């Protein structure tokens, strides 16, 4: 049976896919959307250091 982090799980995006989407939103200066996507990626894999850093930047930029 496929696990929560298994990329073959139908309909469930992987942490990598969510992070890539967040990176696109961050580049487009859509900071609130980027932060939410990083949070979803981190919920799946909290060891993603780049996502923690980028999430912090997105949150700070959204608040500015």
PDB file of N, CA and C in Angstrom:
ATOM      1  N   UNK A   1       0.853  -1.180   0.000  1.00  0.00           N
ATOM      2  CA  UNK A   1       0.000   0.000   0.000  1.00  0.00           C
ATOM      3  C   UNK A   1       0.893   1.235   0.000  1.00  0.00           C
ATOM      4  N   UNK A   2       0.508   2.256  -0.732  1.00  0.00           N
ATOM      5  CA  UNK A   2       1.295   3.482  -0.859  1.00  0.00           C
ATOM      6  C   UNK A   2       1.179   4.312   0.412  1.00  0.00           C
ATOM      7  N   UNK A   3       2.310   4.879   0.831  1.00  0.00           N
ATOM      8  CA  UNK A   3       2.346   5.709   2.027  1.00  0.00           C
ATOM      9  C   UNK A   3       2.059   7.161   1.706  1.00  0.00           C
ATOM     10  N   UNK A   4       1.991   7.989   2.751  1.00  0.00           N
ATOM     11  CA  UNK A   4       1.668   9.408   2.592  1.00  0.00           C
ATOM     12  C   UNK A   4       2.702  10.152   1.763  1.00  0.00           C
ATOM     13  N   UNK A   5       3.964   9.746   1.834  1.00  0.00           N
ATOM     14  CA  UNK A   5       5.018  10.434   1.085  1.00  0.00           C
ATOM     15  C   UNK A   5       5.358   9.736  -0.225  1.00  0.00           C
ATOM     16  N   UNK A   6       4.638   8.686  -0.570  1.00  0.00           N
ATOM     17  CA  UNK A   6       4.884   7.938  -1.796  1.00  0.00           C
ATOM     18  C   UNK A   6       4.421   8.756  -2.995  1.00  0.00           C
ATOM     19  N   UNK A   7       5.330   9.054  -3.943  1.00  0.00           N
ATOM     20  CA  UNK A   7       4.939   9.875  -5.100  1.00  0.00           C
ATOM     21  C   UNK A   7       3.912   9.211  -5.998  1.00  0.00           C
ATOM     22  N   UNK A   8       3.633   7.939  -5.786  1.00  0.00           N
ATOM     23  CA  UNK A   8       2.637   7.263  -6.616  1.00  0.00           C
ATOM     24  C   UNK A   8       1.231   7.374  -6.048  1.00  0.00           C
ATOM     25  N   UNK A   9       1.088   7.983  -4.885  1.00  0.00           N
ATOM     26  CA  UNK A   9      -0.233   8.150  -4.280  1.00  0.00           C
ATOM     27  C   UNK A   9      -1.067   9.066  -5.169  1.00  0.00           C
ATOM     28  N   UNK A  10      -2.149   8.526  -5.696  1.00  0.00           N
ATOM     29  CA  UNK A  10      -2.984   9.268  -6.641  1.00  0.00           C
ATOM     30  C   UNK A  10      -3.603  10.494  -5.996  1.00  0.00           C
ATOM     31  N   UNK A  11      -3.500  11.635  -6.678  1.00  0.00           N
ATOM     32  CA  UNK A  11      -4.155  12.846  -6.243  1.00  0.00           C
ATOM     33  C   UNK A  11      -3.432  13.617  -5.155  1.00  0.00           C
ATOM     34  N   UNK A  12      -2.399  13.052  -4.581  1.00  0.00           N
ATOM     35  CA  UNK A  12      -1.680  13.720  -3.500  1.00  0.00           C
ATOM     36  C   UNK A  12      -0.353  14.256  -4.024  1.00  0.00           C
ATOM     37  N   UNK A  13      -0.161  15.581  -3.982  1.00  0.00           N
ATOM     38  CA  UNK A  13       1.120  16.131  -4.435  1.00  0.00           C
ATOM     39  C   UNK A  13       2.245  15.773  -3.466  1.00  0.00           C
ATOM     40  N   UNK A  14       3.433  15.621  -3.994  1.00  0.00           N
ATOM     41  CA  UNK A  14       4.598  15.343  -3.160  1.00  0.00           C
ATOM     42  C   UNK A  14       5.141  16.645  -2.574  1.00  0.00           C
ATOM     43  N   UNK A  15       5.993  16.514  -1.584  1.00  0.00           N
ATOM     44  CA  UNK A  15       6.648  17.691  -1.010  1.00  0.00           C
ATOM     45  C   UNK A  15       7.451  18.406  -2.086  1.00  0.00           C
ATOM     46  N   UNK A  16       8.079  17.639  -2.975  1.00  0.00           N
ATOM     47  CA  UNK A  16       8.876  18.235  -4.050  1.00  0.00           C
ATOM     48  C   UNK A  16       8.000  19.051  -4.989  1.00  0.00           C
ATOM     49  N   UNK A  17       6.842  18.513  -5.343  1.00  0.00           N
ATOM     50  CA  UNK A  17       5.933  19.217  -6.254  1.00  0.00           C
ATOM     51  C   UNK A  17       5.389  20.486  -5.606  1.00  0.00           C
ATOM     52  N   UNK A  18       5.028  20.399  -4.350  1.00  0.00           N
ATOM     53  CA  UNK A  18       4.524  21.576  -3.637  1.00  0.00           C
ATOM     54  C   UNK A  18       5.599  22.640  -3.509  1.00  0.00           C
ATOM     55  N   UNK A  19       6.825  22.211  -3.246  1.00  0.00           N
ATOM     56  CA  UNK A  19       7.937  23.144  -3.142  1.00  0.00           C
ATOM     57  C   UNK A  19       8.190  23.845  -4.478  1.00  0.00           C
ATOM     58  N   UNK A  20       8.120  23.108  -5.554  1.00  0.00           N
ATOM     59  CA  UNK A  20       8.319  23.703  -6.887  1.00  0.00           C
ATOM     60  C   UNK A  20       7.238  24.735  -7.179  1.00  0.00           C
ATOM     61  N   UNK A  21       5.995  24.428  -6.820  1.00  0.00           N
ATOM     62  CA  UNK A  21       4.902  25.386  -7.014  1.00  0.00           C
ATOM     63  C   UNK A  21       5.134  26.628  -6.153  1.00  0.00           C
ATOM     64  N   UNK A  22       5.589  26.414  -4.930  1.00  0.00           N
ATOM     65  CA  UNK A  22       5.860  27.534  -4.026  1.00  0.00           C
ATOM     66  C   UNK A  22       6.980  28.412  -4.579  1.00  0.00           C
ATOM     67  N   UNK A  23       8.007  27.780  -5.125  1.00  0.00           N
ATOM     68  CA  UNK A  23       9.113  28.540  -5.722  1.00  0.00           C
ATOM     69  C   UNK A  23       8.601  29.447  -6.841  1.00  0.00           C
ATOM     70  N   UNK A  24       7.684  28.928  -7.656  1.00  0.00           N
ATOM     71  CA  UNK A  24       7.108  29.729  -8.746  1.00  0.00           C
ATOM     72  C   UNK A  24       6.334  30.927  -8.197  1.00  0.00           C
ATOM     73  N   UNK A  25       5.543  30.701  -7.138  1.00  0.00           N
ATOM     74  CA  UNK A  25       4.778  31.794  -6.533  1.00  0.00           C
ATOM     75  C   UNK A  25       5.711  32.825  -5.913  1.00  0.00           C
ATOM     76  N   UNK A  26       6.793  32.363  -5.295  1.00  0.00           N
ATOM     77  CA  UNK A  26       7.754  33.269  -4.681  1.00  0.00           C
ATOM     78  C   UNK A  26       8.401  34.159  -5.747  1.00  0.00           C
ATOM     79  N   UNK A  27       8.779  33.567  -6.862  1.00  0.00           N
ATOM     80  CA  UNK A  27       9.370  34.324  -7.968  1.00  0.00           C
ATOM     81  C   UNK A  27       8.387  35.353  -8.512  1.00  0.00           C
ATOM     82  N   UNK A  28       7.110  34.995  -8.528  1.00  0.00           N
ATOM     83  CA  UNK A  28       6.064  35.890  -9.022  1.00  0.00           C
ATOM     84  C   UNK A  28       5.612  36.906  -7.958  1.00  0.00           C
ATOM     85  N   UNK A  29       6.268  36.894  -6.800  1.00  0.00           N
ATOM     86  CA  UNK A  29       5.954  37.797  -5.689  1.00  0.00           C
ATOM     87  C   UNK A  29       4.541  37.595  -5.140  1.00  0.00           C
ATOM     88  N   UNK A  30       4.057  36.363  -5.217  1.00  0.00           N
ATOM     89  CA  UNK A  30       2.768  35.987  -4.634  1.00  0.00           C
ATOM     90  C   UNK A  30       3.079  35.301  -3.304  1.00  0.00           C
ATOM     91  N   UNK A  31       3.479  36.140  -2.356  1.00  0.00           N
ATOM     92  CA  UNK A  31       4.088  35.658  -1.128  1.00  0.00           C
ATOM     93  C   UNK A  31       3.163  34.833  -0.243  1.00  0.00           C
ATOM     94  N   UNK A  32       1.932  35.240  -0.084  1.00  0.00           N
ATOM     95  CA  UNK A  32       1.006  34.485   0.777  1.00  0.00           C
ATOM     96  C   UNK A  32       0.761  33.090   0.203  1.00  0.00           C
ATOM     97  N   UNK A  33       0.608  33.005  -1.109  1.00  0.00           N
ATOM     98  CA  UNK A  33       0.402  31.697  -1.748  1.00  0.00           C
ATOM     99  C   UNK A  33       1.651  30.835  -1.593  1.00  0.00           C
ATOM    100  N   UNK A  34       2.824  31.447  -1.774  1.00  0.00           N
ATOM    101  CA  UNK A  34       4.082  30.711  -1.622  1.00  0.00           C
ATOM    102  C   UNK A  34       4.206  30.156  -0.206  1.00  0.00           C
ATOM    103  N   UNK A  35       3.930  30.980   0.786  1.00  0.00           N
ATOM    104  CA  UNK A  35       4.044  30.540   2.178  1.00  0.00           C
ATOM    105  C   UNK A  35       3.120  29.359   2.453  1.00  0.00           C
ATOM    106  N   UNK A  36       1.908  29.420   1.954  1.00  0.00           N
ATOM    107  CA  UNK A  36       0.951  28.323   2.177  1.00  0.00           C
ATOM    108  C   UNK A  36       1.436  27.027   1.521  1.00  0.00           C
ATOM    109  N   UNK A  37       2.003  27.132   0.324  1.00  0.00           N
ATOM    110  CA  UNK A  37       2.513  25.941  -0.353  1.00  0.00           C
ATOM    111  C   UNK A  37       3.732  25.375   0.356  1.00  0.00           C
ATOM    112  N   UNK A  38       4.611  26.246   0.847  1.00  0.00           N
ATOM    113  CA  UNK A  38       5.755  25.744   1.622  1.00  0.00           C
ATOM    114  C   UNK A  38       5.277  25.031   2.876  1.00  0.00           C
ATOM    115  N   UNK A  39       4.251  25.561   3.527  1.00  0.00           N
ATOM    116  CA  UNK A  39       3.715  24.906   4.721  1.00  0.00           C
ATOM    117  C   UNK A  39       3.188  23.515   4.394  1.00  0.00           C
ATOM    118  N   UNK A  40       2.512  23.384   3.267  1.00  0.00           N
ATOM    119  CA  UNK A  40       2.008  22.064   2.859  1.00  0.00           C
ATOM    120  C   UNK A  40       3.161  21.109   2.583  1.00  0.00           C
ATOM    121  N   UNK A  41       4.212  21.597   1.914  1.00  0.00           N
ATOM    122  CA  UNK A  41       5.378  20.752   1.638  1.00  0.00           C
ATOM    123  C   UNK A  41       6.042  20.321   2.943  1.00  0.00           C
ATOM    124  N   UNK A  42       6.160  21.243   3.875  1.00  0.00           N
ATOM    125  CA  UNK A  42       6.795  20.940   5.150  1.00  0.00           C
ATOM    126  C   UNK A  42       5.960  19.996   6.009  1.00  0.00           C
ATOM    127  N   UNK A  43       4.663  20.008   5.828  1.00  0.00           N
ATOM    128  CA  UNK A  43       3.807  19.062   6.547  1.00  0.00           C
ATOM    129  C   UNK A  43       4.102  17.629   6.101  1.00  0.00           C
ATOM    130  N   UNK A  44       4.528  17.489   4.855  1.00  0.00           N
ATOM    131  CA  UNK A  44       4.871  16.168   4.334  1.00  0.00           C
ATOM    132  C   UNK A  44       6.307  15.771   4.663  1.00  0.00           C
ATOM    133  N   UNK A  45       7.198  16.758   4.726  1.00  0.00           N
ATOM    134  CA  UNK A  45       8.615  16.484   4.991  1.00  0.00           C
ATOM    135  C   UNK A  45       9.234  17.694   5.677  1.00  0.00           C
ATOM    136  N   UNK A  46       9.310  17.639   6.993  1.00  0.00           N
ATOM    137  CA  UNK A  46       9.786  18.801   7.759  1.00  0.00           C
ATOM    138  C   UNK A  46      11.307  18.937   7.784  1.00  0.00           C
ATOM    139  N   UNK A  47      12.009  18.122   7.023  1.00  0.00           N
ATOM    140  CA  UNK A  47      13.469  18.196   6.946  1.00  0.00           C
ATOM    141  C   UNK A  47      13.954  19.017   5.751  1.00  0.00           C
ATOM    142  N   UNK A  48      13.038  19.677   5.062  1.00  0.00           N
ATOM    143  CA  UNK A  48      13.365  20.446   3.857  1.00  0.00           C
ATOM    144  C   UNK A  48      13.823  21.852   4.265  1.00  0.00           C
ATOM    145  N   UNK A  49      15.125  21.998   4.502  1.00  0.00           N
ATOM    146  CA  UNK A  49      15.685  23.242   5.018  1.00  0.00           C
ATOM    147  C   UNK A  49      15.383  24.413   4.089  1.00  0.00           C
ATOM    148  N   UNK A  50      15.550  24.224   2.784  1.00  0.00           N
ATOM    149  CA  UNK A  50      15.293  25.308   1.829  1.00  0.00           C
ATOM    150  C   UNK A  50      13.856  25.802   1.943  1.00  0.00           C
ATOM    151  N   UNK A  51      12.926  24.894   2.157  1.00  0.00           N
ATOM    152  CA  UNK A  51      11.524  25.296   2.281  1.00  0.00           C
ATOM    153  C   UNK A  51      11.281  26.103   3.556  1.00  0.00           C
ATOM    154  N   UNK A  52      11.950  25.750   4.652  1.00  0.00           N
ATOM    155  CA  UNK A  52      11.816  26.531   5.883  1.00  0.00           C
ATOM    156  C   UNK A  52      12.320  27.958   5.661  1.00  0.00           C
ATOM    157  N   UNK A  53      13.474  28.065   4.999  1.00  0.00           N
ATOM    158  CA  UNK A  53      14.062  29.385   4.745  1.00  0.00           C
ATOM    159  C   UNK A  53      13.172  30.200   3.812  1.00  0.00           C
ATOM    160  N   UNK A  54      12.738  29.582   2.710  1.00  0.00           N
ATOM    161  CA  UNK A  54      11.896  30.298   1.749  1.00  0.00           C
ATOM    162  C   UNK A  54      10.538  30.654   2.335  1.00  0.00           C
ATOM    163  N   UNK A  55       9.993  29.789   3.184  1.00  0.00           N
ATOM    164  CA  UNK A  55       8.720  30.096   3.839  1.00  0.00           C
ATOM    165  C   UNK A  55       8.872  31.334   4.710  1.00  0.00           C
ATOM    166  N   UNK A  56       9.962  31.404   5.471  1.00  0.00           N
ATOM    167  CA  UNK A  56      10.199  32.565   6.328  1.00  0.00           C
ATOM    168  C   UNK A  56      10.293  33.838   5.495  1.00  0.00           C
ATOM    169  N   UNK A  57      10.984  33.779   4.381  1.00  0.00           N
ATOM    170  CA  UNK A  57      11.096  34.930   3.500  1.00  0.00           C
ATOM    171  C   UNK A  57       9.754  35.339   2.916  1.00  0.00           C
ATOM    172  N   UNK A  58       8.958  34.358   2.537  1.00  0.00           N
ATOM    173  CA  UNK A  58       7.641  34.638   1.963  1.00  0.00           C
ATOM    174  C   UNK A  58       6.724  35.278   3.006  1.00  0.00           C
ATOM    175  N   UNK A  59       6.753  34.765   4.221  1.00  0.00           N
ATOM    176  CA  UNK A  59       5.933  35.315   5.298  1.00  0.00           C
ATOM    177  C   UNK A  59       6.345  36.746   5.591  1.00  0.00           C
ATOM    178  N   UNK A  60       7.647  36.995   5.671  1.00  0.00           N
ATOM    179  CA  UNK A  60       8.144  38.342   5.946  1.00  0.00           C
ATOM    180  C   UNK A  60       7.764  39.304   4.822  1.00  0.00           C
ATOM    181  N   UNK A  61       7.872  38.847   3.584  1.00  0.00           N
ATOM    182  CA  UNK A  61       7.532  39.709   2.440  1.00  0.00           C
ATOM    183  C   UNK A  61       6.029  39.972   2.367  1.00  0.00           C
ATOM    184  N   UNK A  62       5.229  38.989   2.730  1.00  0.00           N
ATOM    185  CA  UNK A  62       3.774  39.161   2.708  1.00  0.00           C
ATOM    186  C   UNK A  62       3.341  40.173   3.765  1.00  0.00           C
ATOM    187  N   UNK A  63       4.066  40.211   4.882  1.00  0.00           N
ATOM    188  CA  UNK A  63       3.723  41.126   5.967  1.00  0.00           C
ATOM    189  C   UNK A  63       4.206  42.552   5.719  1.00  0.00           C
ATOM    190  N   UNK A  64       5.123  42.706   4.790  1.00  0.00           N
ATOM    191  CA  UNK A  64       5.694  44.050   4.526  1.00  0.00           C
ATOM    192  C   UNK A  64       4.750  44.939   3.761  1.00  0.00           C
TER     193      UNK A  64
END
